[in-house]
């Protein structure tokens, strides 16, 4: 599950409507695949995949 600010939601929804698809279709077919492509492969020198850092793994200082 993902949450976004209302302004981001509105913009994504507008883009989906312009394309004649639902917001869910936009996310599944366009947004997520593009994000994955931009992330590139995460592999170590021995060829094994690395685990991506999640927000839960990060320590935030204020």
N, C-alpha and C. Protein backbone atom coordinates (compact mmCIF):
# COMPACT_ATOMS: atom_id res chain seq x y z
N UNK A 1 0.84 -1.16 0.00
CA UNK A 1 0.00 0.00 0.00
C UNK A 1 0.89 1.23 0.00
N UNK A 2 0.43 2.24 -0.68
CA UNK A 2 1.18 3.49 -0.79
C UNK A 2 0.24 4.65 -0.55
N UNK A 3 0.71 5.68 0.11
CA UNK A 3 -0.08 6.89 0.27
C UNK A 3 0.65 8.04 -0.39
N UNK A 4 -0.10 8.97 -0.93
CA UNK A 4 0.48 10.15 -1.55
C UNK A 4 -0.33 11.37 -1.12
N UNK A 5 0.29 12.54 -1.26
CA UNK A 5 -0.42 13.78 -0.95
C UNK A 5 -1.56 13.97 -1.93
N UNK A 6 -2.56 14.72 -1.53
CA UNK A 6 -3.74 14.94 -2.36
C UNK A 6 -3.36 15.55 -3.71
N UNK A 7 -2.41 16.48 -3.72
CA UNK A 7 -2.02 17.12 -4.99
C UNK A 7 -1.39 16.11 -5.95
N UNK A 8 -0.60 15.19 -5.42
CA UNK A 8 0.02 14.15 -6.25
C UNK A 8 -1.06 13.21 -6.78
N UNK A 9 -1.97 12.82 -5.91
CA UNK A 9 -3.08 11.95 -6.32
C UNK A 9 -3.88 12.61 -7.44
N UNK A 10 -4.20 13.88 -7.26
CA UNK A 10 -4.99 14.60 -8.27
C UNK A 10 -4.27 14.64 -9.61
N UNK A 11 -2.97 14.89 -9.59
CA UNK A 11 -2.19 14.94 -10.83
C UNK A 11 -2.14 13.58 -11.51
N UNK A 12 -1.89 12.52 -10.75
CA UNK A 12 -1.87 11.18 -11.33
C UNK A 12 -3.24 10.80 -11.88
N UNK A 13 -4.28 11.15 -11.17
CA UNK A 13 -5.63 10.86 -11.62
C UNK A 13 -5.94 11.61 -12.92
N UNK A 14 -5.50 12.86 -13.02
CA UNK A 14 -5.70 13.65 -14.23
C UNK A 14 -4.98 13.00 -15.41
N UNK A 15 -3.75 12.57 -15.20
CA UNK A 15 -2.98 11.91 -16.26
C UNK A 15 -3.68 10.64 -16.71
N UNK A 16 -4.16 9.85 -15.76
CA UNK A 16 -4.88 8.61 -16.09
C UNK A 16 -6.12 8.91 -16.91
N UNK A 17 -6.89 9.91 -16.50
CA UNK A 17 -8.10 10.26 -17.23
C UNK A 17 -7.78 10.72 -18.65
N UNK A 18 -6.70 11.48 -18.83
CA UNK A 18 -6.30 11.92 -20.16
C UNK A 18 -5.97 10.74 -21.07
N UNK A 19 -5.45 9.67 -20.47
CA UNK A 19 -5.09 8.47 -21.23
C UNK A 19 -6.27 7.51 -21.38
N UNK A 20 -7.37 7.80 -20.72
CA UNK A 20 -8.53 6.94 -20.81
C UNK A 20 -8.40 5.64 -20.02
N UNK A 21 -7.61 5.69 -18.94
CA UNK A 21 -7.40 4.51 -18.10
C UNK A 21 -7.66 4.90 -16.65
N UNK A 22 -7.74 3.89 -15.79
CA UNK A 22 -7.92 4.16 -14.37
C UNK A 22 -6.58 4.50 -13.73
N UNK A 23 -6.63 5.08 -12.56
CA UNK A 23 -5.41 5.40 -11.83
C UNK A 23 -4.63 4.12 -11.52
N UNK A 24 -5.34 3.07 -11.14
CA UNK A 24 -4.68 1.80 -10.85
C UNK A 24 -3.95 1.26 -12.08
N UNK A 25 -4.57 1.37 -13.24
CA UNK A 25 -3.91 0.92 -14.48
C UNK A 25 -2.68 1.76 -14.77
N UNK A 26 -2.77 3.07 -14.54
CA UNK A 26 -1.62 3.95 -14.75
C UNK A 26 -0.46 3.53 -13.86
N UNK A 27 -0.76 3.27 -12.60
CA UNK A 27 0.30 2.87 -11.67
C UNK A 27 0.91 1.53 -12.07
N UNK A 28 0.08 0.55 -12.37
CA UNK A 28 0.58 -0.79 -12.70
C UNK A 28 1.29 -0.86 -14.04
N UNK A 29 0.79 -0.15 -15.05
CA UNK A 29 1.32 -0.29 -16.40
C UNK A 29 2.42 0.70 -16.74
N UNK A 30 2.44 1.86 -16.07
CA UNK A 30 3.38 2.90 -16.47
C UNK A 30 4.29 3.33 -15.33
N UNK A 31 3.73 3.77 -14.23
CA UNK A 31 4.52 4.35 -13.15
C UNK A 31 5.47 3.33 -12.53
N UNK A 32 4.96 2.19 -12.09
CA UNK A 32 5.81 1.20 -11.42
C UNK A 32 6.87 0.64 -12.36
N UNK A 33 6.54 0.22 -13.59
CA UNK A 33 7.60 -0.28 -14.48
C UNK A 33 8.69 0.77 -14.76
N UNK A 34 8.31 2.03 -14.92
CA UNK A 34 9.30 3.08 -15.14
C UNK A 34 10.20 3.24 -13.92
N UNK A 35 9.62 3.19 -12.74
CA UNK A 35 10.39 3.33 -11.51
C UNK A 35 11.39 2.18 -11.38
N UNK A 36 10.94 0.97 -11.66
CA UNK A 36 11.82 -0.20 -11.58
C UNK A 36 12.97 -0.07 -12.58
N UNK A 37 12.64 0.37 -13.80
CA UNK A 37 13.66 0.53 -14.83
C UNK A 37 14.71 1.57 -14.40
N UNK A 38 14.27 2.65 -13.80
CA UNK A 38 15.19 3.70 -13.36
C UNK A 38 16.06 3.25 -12.19
N UNK A 39 15.57 2.32 -11.39
CA UNK A 39 16.34 1.84 -10.24
C UNK A 39 17.55 1.02 -10.67
N UNK A 40 17.44 0.34 -11.81
CA UNK A 40 18.54 -0.48 -12.29
C UNK A 40 18.73 -1.71 -11.43
N UNK A 41 19.57 -2.63 -11.89
CA UNK A 41 19.81 -3.85 -11.12
C UNK A 41 20.67 -3.56 -9.89
N UNK A 42 20.33 -4.20 -8.82
CA UNK A 42 21.14 -4.11 -7.61
C UNK A 42 21.83 -5.45 -7.40
N UNK A 43 23.06 -5.52 -7.81
CA UNK A 43 23.81 -6.77 -7.65
C UNK A 43 25.15 -6.49 -7.00
N UNK A 44 25.68 -7.50 -6.33
CA UNK A 44 26.99 -7.41 -5.71
C UNK A 44 28.02 -7.89 -6.71
N UNK A 45 29.28 -7.74 -6.37
CA UNK A 45 30.35 -8.15 -7.28
C UNK A 45 30.31 -9.66 -7.56
N UNK A 46 29.73 -10.45 -6.64
CA UNK A 46 29.63 -11.89 -6.86
C UNK A 46 28.36 -12.27 -7.62
N UNK A 47 27.60 -11.25 -8.10
CA UNK A 47 26.43 -11.52 -8.92
C UNK A 47 25.13 -11.72 -8.16
N UNK A 48 25.21 -11.79 -6.83
CA UNK A 48 23.98 -11.96 -6.06
C UNK A 48 23.25 -10.64 -5.94
N UNK A 49 21.91 -10.73 -5.92
CA UNK A 49 21.11 -9.51 -5.81
C UNK A 49 21.18 -8.95 -4.39
N UNK A 50 21.17 -7.64 -4.30
CA UNK A 50 21.11 -6.96 -3.02
C UNK A 50 19.66 -6.65 -2.68
N UNK A 51 19.38 -6.57 -1.40
CA UNK A 51 18.06 -6.17 -0.96
C UNK A 51 18.00 -4.66 -0.96
N UNK A 52 16.90 -4.11 -1.52
CA UNK A 52 16.73 -2.66 -1.52
C UNK A 52 16.44 -2.16 -0.11
N UNK A 53 16.94 -0.98 0.19
CA UNK A 53 16.66 -0.35 1.47
C UNK A 53 15.22 0.13 1.48
N UNK A 54 14.54 -0.14 2.55
CA UNK A 54 13.16 0.34 2.69
C UNK A 54 13.14 1.49 3.68
N UNK A 55 12.05 2.22 3.68
CA UNK A 55 11.91 3.33 4.62
C UNK A 55 12.09 2.84 6.06
N UNK A 56 11.65 1.64 6.33
CA UNK A 56 11.76 1.07 7.66
C UNK A 56 13.22 0.89 8.06
N UNK A 57 14.11 0.68 7.06
CA UNK A 57 15.52 0.47 7.33
C UNK A 57 16.28 1.77 7.62
N UNK A 58 15.68 2.88 7.26
CA UNK A 58 16.38 4.16 7.41
C UNK A 58 16.14 4.75 8.79
N UNK A 59 17.18 5.42 9.31
CA UNK A 59 17.07 6.12 10.57
C UNK A 59 16.97 7.61 10.24
N UNK A 60 15.94 8.22 10.72
CA UNK A 60 15.72 9.64 10.42
C UNK A 60 16.05 10.44 11.66
N UNK A 61 16.93 11.43 11.49
CA UNK A 61 17.24 12.32 12.62
C UNK A 61 16.59 13.66 12.37
N UNK A 62 16.16 14.29 13.42
CA UNK A 62 15.49 15.60 13.28
C UNK A 62 16.35 16.69 13.83
